[in-house]
PDB file of N, CA and C in Angstrom:
ATOM      1  N   GLN A   1      16.035 -11.720  -6.727  1.00  0.00           N
ATOM      2  CA  GLN A   1      15.702 -12.426  -5.518  1.00  0.00           C
ATOM      3  C   GLN A   1      14.273 -12.116  -5.078  1.00  0.00           C
ATOM      4  N   ILE A   2      13.898 -10.851  -5.140  1.00  0.00           N
ATOM      5  CA  ILE A   2      12.542 -10.472  -4.728  1.00  0.00           C
ATOM      6  C   ILE A   2      11.527 -11.073  -5.692  1.00  0.00           C
ATOM      7  N   HIS A   3      11.820 -11.010  -6.984  1.00  0.00           N
ATOM      8  CA  HIS A   3      10.921 -11.582  -7.988  1.00  0.00           C
ATOM      9  C   HIS A   3      10.718 -13.078  -7.726  1.00  0.00           C
ATOM     10  N   SER A   4      11.796 -13.779  -7.414  1.00  0.00           N
ATOM     11  CA  SER A   4      11.707 -15.217  -7.121  1.00  0.00           C
ATOM     12  C   SER A   4      10.827 -15.473  -5.901  1.00  0.00           C
ATOM     13  N   LEU A   5      10.954 -14.622  -4.889  1.00  0.00           N
ATOM     14  CA  LEU A   5      10.140 -14.767  -3.681  1.00  0.00           C
ATOM     15  C   LEU A   5       8.659 -14.595  -3.997  1.00  0.00           C
ATOM     16  N   VAL A   6       8.321 -13.549  -4.739  1.00  0.00           N
ATOM     17  CA  VAL A   6       6.915 -13.301  -5.087  1.00  0.00           C
ATOM     18  C   VAL A   6       6.372 -14.451  -5.930  1.00  0.00           C
ATOM     19  N   MET A   7       7.162 -14.939  -6.880  1.00  0.00           N
ATOM     20  CA  MET A   7       6.709 -16.037  -7.734  1.00  0.00           C
ATOM     21  C   MET A   7       6.537 -17.335  -6.938  1.00  0.00           C
ATOM     22  N   SER A   8       7.305 -17.508  -5.869  1.00  0.00           N
ATOM     23  CA  SER A   8       7.214 -18.725  -5.063  1.00  0.00           C
ATOM     24  C   SER A   8       5.932 -18.773  -4.223  1.00  0.00           C
ATOM     25  N   LEU A   9       5.212 -17.672  -4.128  1.00  0.00           N
ATOM     26  CA  LEU A   9       3.970 -17.647  -3.357  1.00  0.00           C
ATOM     27  C   LEU A   9       2.860 -18.452  -4.025  1.00  0.00           C
ATOM     28  N   SER A  10       3.032 -18.788  -5.285  1.00  0.00           N
ATOM     29  CA  SER A  10       2.088 -19.639  -6.026  1.00  0.00           C
ATOM     30  C   SER A  10       0.649 -19.141  -5.926  1.00  0.00           C
ATOM     31  N   PHE A  11       0.387 -17.990  -6.498  1.00  0.00           N
ATOM     32  CA  PHE A  11      -0.968 -17.454  -6.508  1.00  0.00           C
ATOM     33  C   PHE A  11      -1.879 -18.397  -7.289  1.00  0.00           C
ATOM     34  N   THR A  12      -3.002 -18.769  -6.695  1.00  0.00           N
ATOM     35  CA  THR A  12      -3.960 -19.637  -7.381  1.00  0.00           C
ATOM     36  C   THR A  12      -5.162 -18.851  -7.891  1.00  0.00           C
ATOM     37  N   GLY A  13      -5.320 -17.641  -7.417  1.00  0.00           N
ATOM     38  CA  GLY A  13      -6.413 -16.793  -7.872  1.00  0.00           C
ATOM     39  C   GLY A  13      -6.060 -15.337  -7.682  1.00  0.00           C
ATOM     40  N   ILE A  14      -6.347 -14.528  -8.691  1.00  0.00           N
ATOM     41  CA  ILE A  14      -6.085 -13.089  -8.616  1.00  0.00           C
ATOM     42  C   ILE A  14      -7.350 -12.369  -9.057  1.00  0.00           C
ATOM     43  N   GLU A  15      -7.789 -11.410  -8.249  1.00  0.00           N
ATOM     44  CA  GLU A  15      -8.953 -10.598  -8.590  1.00  0.00           C
ATOM     45  C   GLU A  15      -8.522  -9.140  -8.624  1.00  0.00           C
ATOM     46  N   ILE A  16      -8.705  -8.487  -9.769  1.00  0.00           N
ATOM     47  CA  ILE A  16      -8.356  -7.078  -9.932  1.00  0.00           C
ATOM     48  C   ILE A  16      -9.600  -6.249  -9.640  1.00  0.00           C
ATOM     49  N   LYS A  17      -9.492  -5.339  -8.661  1.00  0.00           N
ATOM     50  CA  LYS A  17     -10.609  -4.453  -8.308  1.00  0.00           C
ATOM     51  C   LYS A  17     -10.549  -3.153  -9.094  1.00  0.00           C
ATOM     52  N   LEU A  18      -9.327  -2.634  -9.300  1.00  0.00           N
ATOM     53  CA  LEU A  18      -9.168  -1.402 -10.069  1.00  0.00           C
ATOM     54  C   LEU A  18      -7.787  -1.354 -10.702  1.00  0.00           C
ATOM     55  N   ALA A  19      -7.714  -0.626 -11.788  1.00  0.00           N
ATOM     56  CA  ALA A  19      -6.437  -0.399 -12.471  1.00  0.00           C
ATOM     57  C   ALA A  19      -6.481   1.008 -13.057  1.00  0.00           C
ATOM     58  N   HIS A  20      -5.458   1.793 -12.748  1.00  0.00           N
ATOM     59  CA  HIS A  20      -5.353   3.155 -13.259  1.00  0.00           C
ATOM     60  C   HIS A  20      -3.996   3.317 -13.925  1.00  0.00           C
ATOM     61  N   SER A  21      -3.971   4.110 -14.989  1.00  0.00           N
ATOM     62  CA  SER A  21      -2.696   4.388 -15.648  1.00  0.00           C
ATOM     63  C   SER A  21      -2.667   5.843 -16.086  1.00  0.00           C
ATOM     64  N   VAL A  22      -1.447   6.354 -16.215  1.00  0.00           N
ATOM     65  CA  VAL A  22      -1.269   7.734 -16.643  1.00  0.00           C
ATOM     66  C   VAL A  22       0.023   7.819 -17.451  1.00  0.00           C
ATOM     67  N   ASP A  23      -0.027   8.609 -18.533  1.00  0.00           N
ATOM     68  CA  ASP A  23       1.192   8.851 -19.308  1.00  0.00           C
ATOM     69  C   ASP A  23       2.211   9.512 -18.408  1.00  0.00           C
ATOM     70  N   SER A  24       3.470   9.145 -18.590  1.00  0.00           N
ATOM     71  CA  SER A  24       4.495   9.656 -17.701  1.00  0.00           C
ATOM     72  C   SER A  24       5.724  10.078 -18.487  1.00  0.00           C
ATOM     73  N   TRP A  25       6.810  10.191 -17.783  1.00  0.00           N
ATOM     74  CA  TRP A  25       8.065  10.729 -18.288  1.00  0.00           C
ATOM     75  C   TRP A  25       8.575   9.958 -19.504  1.00  0.00           C
ATOM     76  N   ASN A  26       8.977  10.677 -20.519  1.00  0.00           N
ATOM     77  CA  ASN A  26       9.670  10.135 -21.693  1.00  0.00           C
ATOM     78  C   ASN A  26       8.894   9.008 -22.383  1.00  0.00           C
ATOM     79  N   GLY A  27       7.570   9.141 -22.435  1.00  0.00           N
ATOM     80  CA  GLY A  27       6.746   8.152 -23.125  1.00  0.00           C
ATOM     81  C   GLY A  27       6.392   6.929 -22.302  1.00  0.00           C
ATOM     82  N   GLY A  28       6.748   6.930 -21.033  1.00  0.00           N
ATOM     83  CA  GLY A  28       6.431   5.794 -20.164  1.00  0.00           C
ATOM     84  C   GLY A  28       5.016   5.881 -19.630  1.00  0.00           C
ATOM     85  N   ILE A  29       4.606   4.842 -18.944  1.00  0.00           N
ATOM     86  CA  ILE A  29       3.266   4.777 -18.364  1.00  0.00           C
ATOM     87  C   ILE A  29       3.384   4.317 -16.913  1.00  0.00           C
ATOM     88  N   LEU A  30       2.745   5.060 -16.008  1.00  0.00           N
ATOM     89  CA  LEU A  30       2.696   4.683 -14.600  1.00  0.00           C
ATOM     90  C   LEU A  30       1.359   3.986 -14.357  1.00  0.00           C
ATOM     91  N   VAL A  31       1.408   2.774 -13.790  1.00  0.00           N
ATOM     92  CA  VAL A  31       0.212   1.954 -13.601  1.00  0.00           C
ATOM     93  C   VAL A  31       0.061   1.590 -12.124  1.00  0.00           C
ATOM     94  N   THR A  32      -1.158   1.692 -11.607  1.00  0.00           N
ATOM     95  CA  THR A  32      -1.480   1.228 -10.258  1.00  0.00           C
ATOM     96  C   THR A  32      -2.629   0.234 -10.359  1.00  0.00           C
ATOM     97  N   VAL A  33      -2.461  -0.902  -9.694  1.00  0.00           N
ATOM     98  CA  VAL A  33      -3.458  -1.971  -9.702  1.00  0.00           C
ATOM     99  C   VAL A  33      -3.753  -2.351  -8.253  1.00  0.00           C
ATOM    100  N   ALA A  34      -5.017  -2.577  -7.940  1.00  0.00           N
ATOM    101  CA  ALA A  34      -5.402  -3.034  -6.600  1.00  0.00           C
ATOM    102  C   ALA A  34      -6.351  -4.211  -6.745  1.00  0.00           C
ATOM    103  N   GLY A  35      -6.225  -5.151  -5.828  1.00  0.00           N
ATOM    104  CA  GLY A  35      -7.087  -6.317  -5.876  1.00  0.00           C
ATOM    105  C   GLY A  35      -6.784  -7.260  -4.738  1.00  0.00           C
ATOM    106  N   SER A  36      -7.031  -8.548  -4.981  1.00  0.00           N
ATOM    107  CA  SER A  36      -6.733  -9.552  -3.965  1.00  0.00           C
ATOM    108  C   SER A  36      -6.191 -10.804  -4.634  1.00  0.00           C
ATOM    109  N   VAL A  37      -5.408 -11.557  -3.861  1.00  0.00           N
ATOM    110  CA  VAL A  37      -4.819 -12.799  -4.361  1.00  0.00           C
ATOM    111  C   VAL A  37      -5.120 -13.923  -3.380  1.00  0.00           C
ATOM    112  N   GLN A  38      -5.086 -15.120  -3.906  1.00  0.00           N
ATOM    113  CA  GLN A  38      -5.208 -16.311  -3.072  1.00  0.00           C
ATOM    114  C   GLN A  38      -4.033 -17.208  -3.409  1.00  0.00           C
ATOM    115  N   THR A  39      -3.398 -17.761  -2.372  1.00  0.00           N
ATOM    116  CA  THR A  39      -2.274 -18.666  -2.587  1.00  0.00           C
ATOM    117  C   THR A  39      -2.714 -20.094  -2.288  1.00  0.00           C
ATOM    118  N   LYS A  40      -1.926 -21.045  -2.769  1.00  0.00           N
ATOM    119  CA  LYS A  40      -2.285 -22.450  -2.546  1.00  0.00           C
ATOM    120  C   LYS A  40      -2.219 -22.828  -1.071  1.00  0.00           C
ATOM    121  N   ASP A  41      -1.466 -22.063  -0.271  1.00  0.00           N
ATOM    122  CA  ASP A  41      -1.314 -22.358   1.151  1.00  0.00           C
ATOM    123  C   ASP A  41      -2.353 -21.665   2.025  1.00  0.00           C
ATOM    124  N   SER A  42      -3.208 -20.825   1.429  1.00  0.00           N
ATOM    125  CA  SER A  42      -4.143 -20.026   2.217  1.00  0.00           C
ATOM    126  C   SER A  42      -5.561 -20.221   1.712  1.00  0.00           C
ATOM    127  N   LYS A  43      -6.504 -20.272   2.645  1.00  0.00           N
ATOM    128  CA  LYS A  43      -7.907 -20.398   2.259  1.00  0.00           C
ATOM    129  C   LYS A  43      -8.537 -19.028   2.013  1.00  0.00           C
ATOM    130  N   GLY A  44      -7.983 -17.989   2.618  1.00  0.00           N
ATOM    131  CA  GLY A  44      -8.522 -16.648   2.459  1.00  0.00           C
ATOM    132  C   GLY A  44      -7.817 -15.887   1.348  1.00  0.00           C
ATOM    133  N   ARG A  45      -8.297 -14.691   1.108  1.00  0.00           N
ATOM    134  CA  ARG A  45      -7.684 -13.825   0.098  1.00  0.00           C
ATOM    135  C   ARG A  45      -6.947 -12.707   0.809  1.00  0.00           C
ATOM    136  N   ARG A  46      -5.907 -12.200   0.164  1.00  0.00           N
ATOM    137  CA  ARG A  46      -5.127 -11.089   0.702  1.00  0.00           C
ATOM    138  C   ARG A  46      -5.163  -9.933  -0.276  1.00  0.00           C
ATOM    139  N   LYS A  47      -5.474  -8.742   0.246  1.00  0.00           N
ATOM    140  CA  LYS A  47      -5.523  -7.552  -0.604  1.00  0.00           C
ATOM    141  C   LYS A  47      -4.110  -7.073  -0.919  1.00  0.00           C
ATOM    142  N   PHE A  48      -3.962  -6.474  -2.099  1.00  0.00           N
ATOM    143  CA  PHE A  48      -2.668  -5.946  -2.504  1.00  0.00           C
ATOM    144  C   PHE A  48      -2.842  -4.668  -3.310  1.00  0.00           C
ATOM    145  N   ILE A  49      -1.751  -3.925  -3.395  1.00  0.00           N
ATOM    146  CA  ILE A  49      -1.635  -2.776  -4.295  1.00  0.00           C
ATOM    147  C   ILE A  49      -0.307  -2.937  -5.015  1.00  0.00           C
ATOM    148  N   GLN A  50      -0.316  -2.703  -6.312  1.00  0.00           N
ATOM    149  CA  GLN A  50       0.910  -2.785  -7.098  1.00  0.00           C
ATOM    150  C   GLN A  50       1.006  -1.549  -7.976  1.00  0.00           C
ATOM    151  N   THR A  51       2.174  -0.932  -7.967  1.00  0.00           N
ATOM    152  CA  THR A  51       2.447   0.216  -8.822  1.00  0.00           C
ATOM    153  C   THR A  51       3.692  -0.108  -9.623  1.00  0.00           C
ATOM    154  N   PHE A  52       3.622   0.106 -10.928  1.00  0.00           N
ATOM    155  CA  PHE A  52       4.798  -0.163 -11.756  1.00  0.00           C
ATOM    156  C   PHE A  52       4.897   0.856 -12.883  1.00  0.00           C
ATOM    157  N   PHE A  53       6.133   1.031 -13.354  1.00  0.00           N
ATOM    158  CA  PHE A  53       6.415   1.976 -14.432  1.00  0.00           C
ATOM    159  C   PHE A  53       6.788   1.193 -15.675  1.00  0.00           C
ATOM    160  N   LEU A  54       6.036   1.410 -16.754  1.00  0.00           N
ATOM    161  CA  LEU A  54       6.330   0.788 -18.034  1.00  0.00           C
ATOM    162  C   LEU A  54       7.148   1.764 -18.866  1.00  0.00           C
ATOM    163  N   ALA A  55       8.390   1.409 -19.120  1.00  0.00           N
ATOM    164  CA  ALA A  55       9.274   2.256 -19.915  1.00  0.00           C
ATOM    165  C   ALA A  55       9.214   1.797 -21.371  1.00  0.00           C
ATOM    166  N   PRO A  56       9.213   2.755 -22.308  1.00  0.00           N
ATOM    167  CA  PRO A  56       9.125   2.367 -23.715  1.00  0.00           C
ATOM    168  C   PRO A  56      10.419   1.713 -24.200  1.00  0.00           C
ATOM    169  N   GLN A  57      10.259   0.773 -25.114  1.00  0.00           N
ATOM    170  CA  GLN A  57      11.396   0.193 -25.822  1.00  0.00           C
ATOM    171  C   GLN A  57      11.003   0.092 -27.290  1.00  0.00           C
ATOM    172  N   GLU A  58      11.860  -0.433 -28.108  1.00  0.00           N
ATOM    173  CA  GLU A  58      11.624  -0.428 -29.552  1.00  0.00           C
ATOM    174  C   GLU A  58      10.270  -1.029 -29.929  1.00  0.00           C
ATOM    175  N   LYS A  59       9.918  -2.155 -29.346  1.00  0.00           N
ATOM    176  CA  LYS A  59       8.628  -2.790 -29.647  1.00  0.00           C
ATOM    177  C   LYS A  59       7.848  -2.987 -28.353  1.00  0.00           C
ATOM    178  N   GLY A  60       7.168  -1.961 -27.899  1.00  0.00           N
ATOM    179  CA  GLY A  60       6.347  -2.065 -26.701  1.00  0.00           C
ATOM    180  C   GLY A  60       6.975  -1.421 -25.483  1.00  0.00           C
ATOM    181  N   TYR A  61       6.841  -2.083 -24.344  1.00  0.00           N
ATOM    182  CA  TYR A  61       7.290  -1.549 -23.060  1.00  0.00           C
ATOM    183  C   TYR A  61       7.970  -2.645 -22.250  1.00  0.00           C
ATOM    184  N   PHE A  62       8.698  -2.218 -21.219  1.00  0.00           N
ATOM    185  CA  PHE A  62       9.232  -3.157 -20.235  1.00  0.00           C
ATOM    186  C   PHE A  62       9.033  -2.553 -18.857  1.00  0.00           C
ATOM    187  N   VAL A  63       8.956  -3.420 -17.835  1.00  0.00           N
ATOM    188  CA  VAL A  63       8.749  -2.964 -16.464  1.00  0.00           C
ATOM    189  C   VAL A  63      10.083  -2.473 -15.918  1.00  0.00           C
ATOM    190  N   LEU A  64      10.182  -1.152 -15.715  1.00  0.00           N
ATOM    191  CA  LEU A  64      11.413  -0.559 -15.194  1.00  0.00           C
ATOM    192  C   LEU A  64      11.421  -0.585 -13.667  1.00  0.00           C
ATOM    193  N   ASN A  65      10.291  -0.236 -13.055  1.00  0.00           N
ATOM    194  CA  ASN A  65      10.159  -0.230 -11.591  1.00  0.00           C
ATOM    195  C   ASN A  65       8.861  -0.929 -11.222  1.00  0.00           C
ATOM    196  N   ASP A  66       8.867  -1.624 -10.085  1.00  0.00           N
ATOM    197  CA  ASP A  66       7.686  -2.368  -9.662  1.00  0.00           C
ATOM    198  C   ASP A  66       7.626  -2.392  -8.140  1.00  0.00           C
ATOM    199  N   ILE A  67       6.487  -1.965  -7.587  1.00  0.00           N
ATOM    200  CA  ILE A  67       6.264  -2.016  -6.141  1.00  0.00           C
ATOM    201  C   ILE A  67       5.011  -2.855  -5.913  1.00  0.00           C
ATOM    202  N   PHE A  68       5.156  -3.940  -5.161  1.00  0.00           N
ATOM    203  CA  PHE A  68       4.042  -4.817  -4.819  1.00  0.00           C
ATOM    204  C   PHE A  68       3.903  -4.798  -3.304  1.00  0.00           C
ATOM    205  N   HIS A  69       2.697  -4.503  -2.822  1.00  0.00           N
ATOM    206  CA  HIS A  69       2.502  -4.325  -1.382  1.00  0.00           C
ATOM    207  C   HIS A  69       1.223  -5.030  -0.942  1.00  0.00           C
ATOM    208  N   PHE A  70       1.338  -5.948   0.037  1.00  0.00           N
ATOM    209  CA  PHE A  70       0.148  -6.527   0.645  1.00  0.00           C
ATOM    210  C   PHE A  70      -0.443  -5.512   1.612  1.00  0.00           C
ATOM    211  N   VAL A  71      -1.761  -5.386   1.608  1.00  0.00           N
ATOM    212  CA  VAL A  71      -2.457  -4.451   2.485  1.00  0.00           C
ATOM    213  C   VAL A  71      -3.057  -5.252   3.628  1.00  0.00           C
ATOM    214  N   ASP A  72      -2.479  -5.105   4.797  1.00  0.00           N
ATOM    215  CA  ASP A  72      -2.995  -5.785   5.978  1.00  0.00           C
ATOM    216  C   ASP A  72      -4.094  -4.933   6.583  1.00  0.00           C
ATOM    217  N   GLU A  73      -5.255  -5.514   6.709  1.00  0.00           N
ATOM    218  CA  GLU A  73      -6.380  -4.770   7.260  1.00  0.00           C
ATOM    219  C   GLU A  73      -6.289  -4.751   8.775  1.00  0.00           C
ATOM    220  N   GLU A  74      -6.400  -3.555   9.328  1.00  0.00           N
ATOM    221  CA  GLU A  74      -6.388  -3.382  10.774  1.00  0.00           C
ATOM    222  C   GLU A  74      -7.772  -2.927  11.205  1.00  0.00           C
ATOM    223  N   PRO A  75      -8.232  -3.400  12.340  1.00  0.00           N
ATOM    224  CA  PRO A  75      -9.555  -2.966  12.793  1.00  0.00           C
ATOM    225  C   PRO A  75      -9.568  -1.465  13.087  1.00  0.00           C
ATOM    226  N   VAL A  76     -10.661  -0.830  12.725  1.00  0.00           N
ATOM    227  CA  VAL A  76     -10.832   0.594  12.987  1.00  0.00           C
ATOM    228  C   VAL A  76     -11.600   0.735  14.294  1.00  0.00           C
ATOM    229  N   ILE A  77     -11.016   1.478  15.220  1.00  0.00           N
ATOM    230  CA  ILE A  77     -11.657   1.690  16.516  1.00  0.00           C
ATOM    231  C   ILE A  77     -12.350   3.043  16.484  1.00  0.00           C
ATOM    232  N   GLN A  78     -13.651   3.040  16.694  1.00  0.00           N
ATOM    233  CA  GLN A  78     -14.411   4.280  16.721  1.00  0.00           C
ATOM    234  C   GLN A  78     -14.954   4.483  18.124  1.00  0.00           C
ATOM    235  N   HIS A  79     -14.714   5.677  18.644  1.00  0.00           N
ATOM    236  CA  HIS A  79     -15.217   6.016  19.969  1.00  0.00           C
ATOM    237  C   HIS A  79     -16.564   6.714  19.819  1.00  0.00           C
ATOM    238  N   PRO A  80     -17.489   6.463  20.732  1.00  0.00           N
ATOM    239  CA  PRO A  80     -18.785   7.137  20.668  1.00  0.00           C
ATOM    240  C   PRO A  80     -18.600   8.650  20.773  1.00  0.00           C
ATOM    241  N   PRO A  81     -19.411   9.438  20.051  1.00  0.00           N
ATOM    242  CA  PRO A  81     -19.286  10.900  20.106  1.00  0.00           C
ATOM    243  C   PRO A  81     -19.358  11.447  21.522  1.00  0.00           C
ATOM    244  N   SER A  82     -20.169  10.844  22.384  1.00  0.00           N
ATOM    245  CA  SER A  82     -20.289  11.347  23.757  1.00  0.00           C
ATOM    246  C   SER A  82     -18.964  11.212  24.497  1.00  0.00           C
ATOM    247  N   MET A  83     -18.210  10.190  24.209  1.00  0.00           N
ATOM    248  CA  MET A  83     -16.922   9.990  24.862  1.00  0.00           C
ATOM    249  C   MET A  83     -15.923  11.064  24.415  1.00  0.00           C
ATOM    250  N   LEU A  84     -15.960  11.413  23.138  1.00  0.00           N
ATOM    251  CA  LEU A  84     -15.051  12.434  22.623  1.00  0.00           C
ATOM    252  C   LEU A  84     -15.427  13.824  23.114  1.00  0.00           C
ATOM    253  N   ALA A  85     -16.715  14.086  23.249  1.00  0.00           N
ATOM    254  CA  ALA A  85     -17.173  15.409  23.674  1.00  0.00           C
ATOM    255  C   ALA A  85     -16.771  15.711  25.110  1.00  0.00           C
ATOM    256  N   HIS A  86     -16.661  14.692  25.941  1.00  0.00           N
ATOM    257  CA  HIS A  86     -16.343  14.885  27.351  1.00  0.00           C
ATOM    258  C   HIS A  86     -14.889  14.579  27.682  1.00  0.00           C
ATOM    259  N   ALA A  87     -14.080  14.440  26.659  1.00  0.00           N
ATOM    260  CA  ALA A  87     -12.668  14.119  26.903  1.00  0.00           C
ATOM    261  C   ALA A  87     -11.991  15.283  27.604  1.00  0.00           C
ATOM    262  N   ASN A  88     -11.145  14.977  28.564  1.00  0.00           N
ATOM    263  CA  ASN A  88     -10.426  15.994  29.322  1.00  0.00           C
ATOM    264  C   ASN A  88      -8.955  15.903  28.938  1.00  0.00           C
ATOM    265  N   PHE A  89      -8.524  16.797  28.070  1.00  0.00           N
ATOM    266  CA  PHE A  89      -7.150  16.786  27.608  1.00  0.00           C
ATOM    267  C   PHE A  89      -6.311  17.710  28.466  1.00  0.00           C
ATOM    268  N   ASP A  90      -5.166  17.264  28.875  1.00  0.00           N
ATOM    269  CA  ASP A  90      -4.247  18.038  29.703  1.00  0.00           C
ATOM    270  C   ASP A  90      -3.376  18.889  28.783  1.00  0.00           C
ATOM    271  N   ALA A  91      -3.481  20.193  28.891  1.00  0.00           N
ATOM    272  CA  ALA A  91      -2.724  21.105  28.028  1.00  0.00           C
ATOM    273  C   ALA A  91      -1.226  20.982  28.232  1.00  0.00           C
ATOM    274  N   GLN A  92      -0.801  20.518  29.390  1.00  0.00           N
ATOM    275  CA  GLN A  92       0.635  20.405  29.643  1.00  0.00           C
ATOM    276  C   GLN A  92       1.291  19.360  28.753  1.00  0.00           C
ATOM    277  N   HIS A  93       0.561  18.399  28.269  1.00  0.00           N
ATOM    278  CA  HIS A  93       1.134  17.379  27.393  1.00  0.00           C
ATOM    279  C   HIS A  93       1.473  17.947  26.018  1.00  0.00           C
ATOM    280  N   ASN A  94       0.904  19.083  25.686  1.00  0.00           N
ATOM    281  CA  ASN A  94       1.133  19.669  24.376  1.00  0.00           C
ATOM    282  C   ASN A  94       2.207  20.745  24.386  1.00  0.00           C
ATOM    283  N   THR A  95       2.798  21.012  25.522  1.00  0.00           N
ATOM    284  CA  THR A  95       3.835  22.031  25.591  1.00  0.00           C
ATOM    285  C   THR A  95       5.187  21.366  25.682  1.00  0.00           C
ATOM    286  N   SER A  96       6.190  22.031  25.156  1.00  0.00           N
ATOM    287  CA  SER A  96       7.536  21.458  25.219  1.00  0.00           C
ATOM    288  C   SER A  96       8.220  21.913  26.495  1.00  0.00           C
ATOM    289  N   ASN A  97       9.026  21.057  27.045  1.00  0.00           N
ATOM    290  CA  ASN A  97       9.797  21.375  28.242  1.00  0.00           C
ATOM    291  C   ASN A  97      11.193  21.786  27.817  1.00  0.00           C
ATOM    292  N   SER A  98      11.592  22.963  28.210  1.00  0.00           N
ATOM    293  CA  SER A  98      12.937  23.401  27.847  1.00  0.00           C
ATOM    294  C   SER A  98      13.911  23.012  28.946  1.00  0.00           C
ATOM    295  N   LEU A  99      15.108  22.665  28.552  1.00  0.00           N
ATOM    296  CA  LEU A  99      16.158  22.295  29.492  1.00  0.00           C
ATOM    297  C   LEU A  99      17.195  23.398  29.537  1.00  0.00           C
ATOM    298  N   GLU A 100      17.693  23.655  30.724  1.00  0.00           N
ATOM    299  CA  GLU A 100      18.737  24.668  30.853  1.00  0.00           C
ATOM    300  C   GLU A 100      20.050  24.107  30.337  1.00  0.00           C
ATOM    301  N   GLU A 101      20.793  24.953  29.650  1.00  0.00           N
ATOM    302  CA  GLU A 101      22.101  24.524  29.159  1.00  0.00           C
ATOM    303  C   GLU A 101      23.099  24.547  30.299  1.00  0.00           C
ATOM    304  N   PRO A 102      24.045  23.604  30.328  1.00  0.00           N
ATOM    305  CA  PRO A 102      25.028  23.569  31.421  1.00  0.00           C
ATOM    306  C   PRO A 102      25.995  24.723  31.369  1.00  0.00           C
TER     307      PRO A 102
END
């Protein structure tokens, strides 16, 4: 079902930014790929990360596990250093309040 959903997205363009692999358990290979995709329904590109495990079989490998994740970019908020230097933190917020047992 998940595979059908991903395939239904109809990627029209895929750009691979990086791909890393490492030998793993019992002759398998762990692979991580990062890049961006474009779908027929979208004008922009969406970043993704995919990690999958290639398990050995008689002639080559097969995908045993696969994780595909879209990376949603969130704006990074940076405060000016002067604002951080003059911050007044209340120490009481960092202490736990104990409750008396009945």
